[in-house]
């Protein structure tokens, strides 16, 4: 966490843009572009949506939203996947929802009751609790359905 937290935000955005540009040029590409991130990467996915006009969707797994001043740059729908047992990130959802609504942006956060931060990883462990297992299953179904609908 310490290493990724120290990365320069402009460098991260430039790297994401380079990967996106490359992916869109692949012969198998249909020209659609989505970004998915988890935890720190979830926040970066949300942030990337503020910088990339041709983005078709951003999927944010337990990551915070960007500064309200950056939200005007979002052109794609943002889908949030959050844990009910994650007070740190959960506390950011109301303000992000309000800022996105005020800016006329599409933001659909879903909170999975009882799940903890990192439920997509934790939910696949053999000893995972039921809330994390359920959140992982429901979150994956939602993600794949949204991707198919793009």
C-alpha atoms as a PDB file:
ATOM      1  CA  UNK A   1       0.000   0.000   0.000  1.00  0.00           C
ATOM      2  CA  UNK A   2       2.838   2.350   0.830  1.00  0.00           C
ATOM      3  CA  UNK A   3       4.367   1.899  -2.627  1.00  0.00           C
ATOM      4  CA  UNK A   4       1.198   2.585  -4.614  1.00  0.00           C
ATOM      5  CA  UNK A   5       0.184   5.487  -2.368  1.00  0.00           C
ATOM      6  CA  UNK A   6       3.446   7.197  -3.258  1.00  0.00           C
ATOM      7  CA  UNK A   7       2.901   7.044  -7.010  1.00  0.00           C
ATOM      8  CA  UNK A   8       2.541  10.334  -8.848  1.00  0.00           C
ATOM      9  CA  UNK A   9      -1.129  10.813  -9.840  1.00  0.00           C
ATOM     10  CA  UNK A  10      -0.219  12.267 -13.246  1.00  0.00           C
ATOM     11  CA  UNK A  11       1.993   9.259 -13.977  1.00  0.00           C
ATOM     12  CA  UNK A  12      -0.794   6.865 -13.020  1.00  0.00           C
ATOM     13  CA  UNK A  13      -3.203   8.692 -15.354  1.00  0.00           C
ATOM     14  CA  UNK A  14      -0.634   8.683 -18.171  1.00  0.00           C
ATOM     15  CA  UNK A  15      -0.083   4.947 -17.701  1.00  0.00           C
ATOM     16  CA  UNK A  16      -3.821   4.264 -17.734  1.00  0.00           C
ATOM     17  CA  UNK A  17      -4.198   6.363 -20.883  1.00  0.00           C
ATOM     18  CA  UNK A  18      -1.366   4.453 -22.567  1.00  0.00           C
ATOM     19  CA  UNK A  19      -2.971   1.099 -21.730  1.00  0.00           C
ATOM     20  CA  UNK A  20      -6.393   2.336 -22.872  1.00  0.00           C
ATOM     21  CA  UNK A  21      -4.998   3.666 -26.162  1.00  0.00           C
ATOM     22  CA  UNK A  22      -3.185   0.374 -26.779  1.00  0.00           C
ATOM     23  CA  UNK A  23      -6.254  -1.716 -25.938  1.00  0.00           C
ATOM     24  CA  UNK A  24      -8.510   0.251 -28.245  1.00  0.00           C
ATOM     25  CA  UNK A  25      -6.118  -0.414 -31.159  1.00  0.00           C
ATOM     26  CA  UNK A  26      -6.069  -4.192 -30.723  1.00  0.00           C
ATOM     27  CA  UNK A  27      -7.710  -6.088 -33.597  1.00  0.00           C
ATOM     28  CA  UNK A  28     -10.153  -7.751 -31.176  1.00  0.00           C
ATOM     29  CA  UNK A  29     -11.271  -4.405 -29.745  1.00  0.00           C
ATOM     30  CA  UNK A  30     -14.837  -3.289 -30.303  1.00  0.00           C
ATOM     31  CA  UNK A  31     -13.814   0.282 -29.470  1.00  0.00           C
ATOM     32  CA  UNK A  32     -15.483   0.282 -26.061  1.00  0.00           C
ATOM     33  CA  UNK A  33     -13.448   1.183 -23.032  1.00  0.00           C
ATOM     34  CA  UNK A  34     -14.094   0.430 -19.367  1.00  0.00           C
ATOM     35  CA  UNK A  35     -11.934   0.630 -16.283  1.00  0.00           C
ATOM     36  CA  UNK A  36     -12.209  -1.572 -13.192  1.00  0.00           C
ATOM     37  CA  UNK A  37     -10.279  -1.068  -9.973  1.00  0.00           C
ATOM     38  CA  UNK A  38     -10.184  -2.417  -6.447  1.00  0.00           C
ATOM     39  CA  UNK A  39      -9.366  -0.457  -3.262  1.00  0.00           C
ATOM     40  CA  UNK A  40      -6.620   2.028  -4.273  1.00  0.00           C
ATOM     41  CA  UNK A  41      -7.312   1.019  -7.855  1.00  0.00           C
ATOM     42  CA  UNK A  42     -11.027   1.643  -7.321  1.00  0.00           C
ATOM     43  CA  UNK A  43     -10.264   5.238  -6.444  1.00  0.00           C
ATOM     44  CA  UNK A  44      -7.985   5.466  -9.481  1.00  0.00           C
ATOM     45  CA  UNK A  45     -10.774   4.046 -11.680  1.00  0.00           C
ATOM     46  CA  UNK A  46     -13.098   6.773 -10.451  1.00  0.00           C
ATOM     47  CA  UNK A  47     -10.376   9.348 -10.999  1.00  0.00           C
ATOM     48  CA  UNK A  48      -9.648   8.032 -14.490  1.00  0.00           C
ATOM     49  CA  UNK A  49     -13.279   8.672 -15.386  1.00  0.00           C
ATOM     50  CA  UNK A  50     -12.612  12.375 -14.783  1.00  0.00           C
ATOM     51  CA  UNK A  51      -9.822  12.346 -17.375  1.00  0.00           C
ATOM     52  CA  UNK A  52     -10.972  10.109 -20.205  1.00  0.00           C
ATOM     53  CA  UNK A  53     -13.797  11.408 -22.408  1.00  0.00           C
ATOM     54  CA  UNK A  54     -14.164   8.222 -24.479  1.00  0.00           C
ATOM     55  CA  UNK A  55     -14.581   5.980 -21.436  1.00  0.00           C
ATOM     56  CA  UNK A  56     -17.770   3.924 -21.622  1.00  0.00           C
ATOM     57  CA  UNK A  57     -17.932   2.945 -17.937  1.00  0.00           C
ATOM     58  CA  UNK A  58     -15.983   2.992 -14.687  1.00  0.00           C
ATOM     59  CA  UNK A  59     -16.367   0.215 -12.114  1.00  0.00           C
ATOM     60  CA  UNK A  60     -15.232   1.169  -8.620  1.00  0.00           C
ATOM     61  CA  UNK A  61     -14.774  -1.578  -6.040  1.00  0.00           C
ATOM     62  CA  UNK A  62     -14.456  -0.109  -2.536  1.00  0.00           C
ATOM     63  CA  UNK A  63     -12.586   2.981  -3.694  1.00  0.00           C
ATOM     64  CA  UNK A  64     -13.326   6.617  -2.864  1.00  0.00           C
ATOM     65  CA  UNK A  65     -14.672   9.148  -5.312  1.00  0.00           C
ATOM     66  CA  UNK A  66     -12.638  12.031  -6.721  1.00  0.00           C
ATOM     67  CA  UNK A  67     -12.677  15.594  -5.473  1.00  0.00           C
ATOM     68  CA  UNK A  68     -16.025  17.223  -6.237  1.00  0.00           C
ATOM     69  CA  UNK A  69     -14.256  19.783  -8.429  1.00  0.00           C
ATOM     70  CA  UNK A  70     -13.131  17.010 -10.815  1.00  0.00           C
ATOM     71  CA  UNK A  71     -16.545  15.395 -11.260  1.00  0.00           C
ATOM     72  CA  UNK A  72     -17.530  17.732 -14.099  1.00  0.00           C
ATOM     73  CA  UNK A  73     -14.981  15.884 -16.268  1.00  0.00           C
ATOM     74  CA  UNK A  74     -16.834  12.573 -16.010  1.00  0.00           C
ATOM     75  CA  UNK A  75     -18.602  11.502 -19.208  1.00  0.00           C
ATOM     76  CA  UNK A  76     -19.223   7.804 -18.453  1.00  0.00           C
ATOM     77  CA  UNK A  77     -21.485   6.101 -15.955  1.00  0.00           C
ATOM     78  CA  UNK A  78     -19.770   5.088 -12.736  1.00  0.00           C
ATOM     79  CA  UNK A  79     -20.833   1.917 -10.931  1.00  0.00           C
ATOM     80  CA  UNK A  80     -19.807   1.496  -7.308  1.00  0.00           C
ATOM     81  CA  UNK A  81     -19.405  -1.763  -5.400  1.00  0.00           C
ATOM     82  CA  UNK A  82     -19.069  -1.139  -1.679  1.00  0.00           C
ATOM     83  CA  UNK A  83     -18.876  -3.107   1.558  1.00  0.00           C
ATOM     84  CA  UNK A  84     -21.408  -2.501   4.298  1.00  0.00           C
ATOM     85  CA  UNK A  85     -18.718  -3.199   6.893  1.00  0.00           C
ATOM     86  CA  UNK A  86     -16.231  -0.606   5.592  1.00  0.00           C
ATOM     87  CA  UNK A  87     -16.722   2.610   7.542  1.00  0.00           C
ATOM     88  CA  UNK A  88     -13.760   4.429   5.953  1.00  0.00           C
ATOM     89  CA  UNK A  89     -14.940   4.133   2.352  1.00  0.00           C
ATOM     90  CA  UNK A  90     -18.635   3.956   3.247  1.00  0.00           C
ATOM     91  CA  UNK A  91     -18.389   7.403   4.808  1.00  0.00           C
ATOM     92  CA  UNK A  92     -17.418   8.854   1.407  1.00  0.00           C
ATOM     93  CA  UNK A  93     -20.438   7.519  -0.517  1.00  0.00           C
ATOM     94  CA  UNK A  94     -23.078  10.114   0.501  1.00  0.00           C
ATOM     95  CA  UNK A  95     -20.938  13.115  -0.515  1.00  0.00           C
ATOM     96  CA  UNK A  96     -19.900  11.424  -3.750  1.00  0.00           C
ATOM     97  CA  UNK A  97     -23.525  10.582  -4.532  1.00  0.00           C
ATOM     98  CA  UNK A  98     -24.567  14.165  -3.885  1.00  0.00           C
ATOM     99  CA  UNK A  99     -21.727  15.629  -5.986  1.00  0.00           C
ATOM    100  CA  UNK A 100     -22.414  13.279  -8.890  1.00  0.00           C
ATOM    101  CA  UNK A 101     -26.134  14.055  -8.774  1.00  0.00           C
ATOM    102  CA  UNK A 102     -25.499  17.816  -8.629  1.00  0.00           C
ATOM    103  CA  UNK A 103     -23.253  17.515 -11.697  1.00  0.00           C
ATOM    104  CA  UNK A 104     -25.850  15.454 -13.574  1.00  0.00           C
ATOM    105  CA  UNK A 105     -23.597  12.393 -13.727  1.00  0.00           C
ATOM    106  CA  UNK A 106     -24.682   8.759 -13.586  1.00  0.00           C
ATOM    107  CA  UNK A 107     -23.485   7.076 -10.400  1.00  0.00           C
ATOM    108  CA  UNK A 108     -24.945   3.813  -9.182  1.00  0.00           C
ATOM    109  CA  UNK A 109     -23.411   2.709  -5.898  1.00  0.00           C
ATOM    110  CA  UNK A 110     -24.436  -0.616  -4.373  1.00  0.00           C
ATOM    111  CA  UNK A 111     -23.492  -1.518  -0.817  1.00  0.00           C
ATOM    112  CA  UNK A 112     -23.353  -5.193   0.127  1.00  0.00           C
ATOM    113  CA  UNK A 113     -24.583  -5.621   3.706  1.00  0.00           C
ATOM    114  CA  UNK A 114     -22.174  -7.232   6.126  1.00  0.00           C
ATOM    115  CA  UNK A 115     -19.344  -7.514   3.608  1.00  0.00           C
ATOM    116  CA  UNK A 116     -15.908  -6.184   4.425  1.00  0.00           C
ATOM    117  CA  UNK A 117     -13.458  -4.103   2.430  1.00  0.00           C
ATOM    118  CA  UNK A 118     -11.853  -6.387  -0.147  1.00  0.00           C
ATOM    119  CA  UNK A 119     -14.847  -8.727  -0.408  1.00  0.00           C
ATOM    120  CA  UNK A 120     -14.045  -9.724  -3.987  1.00  0.00           C
ATOM    121  CA  UNK A 121     -10.783 -11.292  -2.831  1.00  0.00           C
ATOM    122  CA  UNK A 122     -11.908 -12.332   0.636  1.00  0.00           C
ATOM    123  CA  UNK A 123     -15.134 -13.845  -0.664  1.00  0.00           C
ATOM    124  CA  UNK A 124     -13.330 -16.526  -2.651  1.00  0.00           C
ATOM    125  CA  UNK A 125     -11.262 -17.830   0.272  1.00  0.00           C
ATOM    126  CA  UNK A 126     -12.205 -21.315   1.519  1.00  0.00           C
ATOM    127  CA  UNK A 127     -12.875 -19.870   4.990  1.00  0.00           C
ATOM    128  CA  UNK A 128     -14.707 -16.744   3.778  1.00  0.00           C
ATOM    129  CA  UNK A 129     -17.643 -15.536   5.819  1.00  0.00           C
ATOM    130  CA  UNK A 130     -21.089 -15.683   4.239  1.00  0.00           C
ATOM    131  CA  UNK A 131     -21.399 -11.907   3.787  1.00  0.00           C
ATOM    132  CA  UNK A 132     -18.166 -11.718   1.782  1.00  0.00           C
ATOM    133  CA  UNK A 133     -19.100 -14.795  -0.276  1.00  0.00           C
ATOM    134  CA  UNK A 134     -22.510 -13.329  -1.076  1.00  0.00           C
ATOM    135  CA  UNK A 135     -21.096  -9.884  -1.901  1.00  0.00           C
ATOM    136  CA  UNK A 136     -18.484 -11.414  -4.185  1.00  0.00           C
ATOM    137  CA  UNK A 137     -21.086 -13.497  -6.010  1.00  0.00           C
ATOM    138  CA  UNK A 138     -23.564 -10.637  -6.362  1.00  0.00           C
ATOM    139  CA  UNK A 139     -20.840  -8.119  -7.251  1.00  0.00           C
ATOM    140  CA  UNK A 140     -19.408 -10.369  -9.954  1.00  0.00           C
ATOM    141  CA  UNK A 141     -22.877 -10.978 -11.435  1.00  0.00           C
ATOM    142  CA  UNK A 142     -23.549  -7.258 -11.474  1.00  0.00           C
ATOM    143  CA  UNK A 143     -20.181  -6.448 -13.049  1.00  0.00           C
ATOM    144  CA  UNK A 144     -20.546  -9.010 -15.809  1.00  0.00           C
ATOM    145  CA  UNK A 145     -24.139  -7.973 -16.565  1.00  0.00           C
ATOM    146  CA  UNK A 146     -23.111  -4.315 -16.816  1.00  0.00           C
ATOM    147  CA  UNK A 147     -20.166  -5.176 -19.059  1.00  0.00           C
ATOM    148  CA  UNK A 148     -22.429  -7.216 -21.338  1.00  0.00           C
ATOM    149  CA  UNK A 149     -24.822  -4.282 -21.533  1.00  0.00           C
ATOM    150  CA  UNK A 150     -22.208  -1.792 -22.676  1.00  0.00           C
END
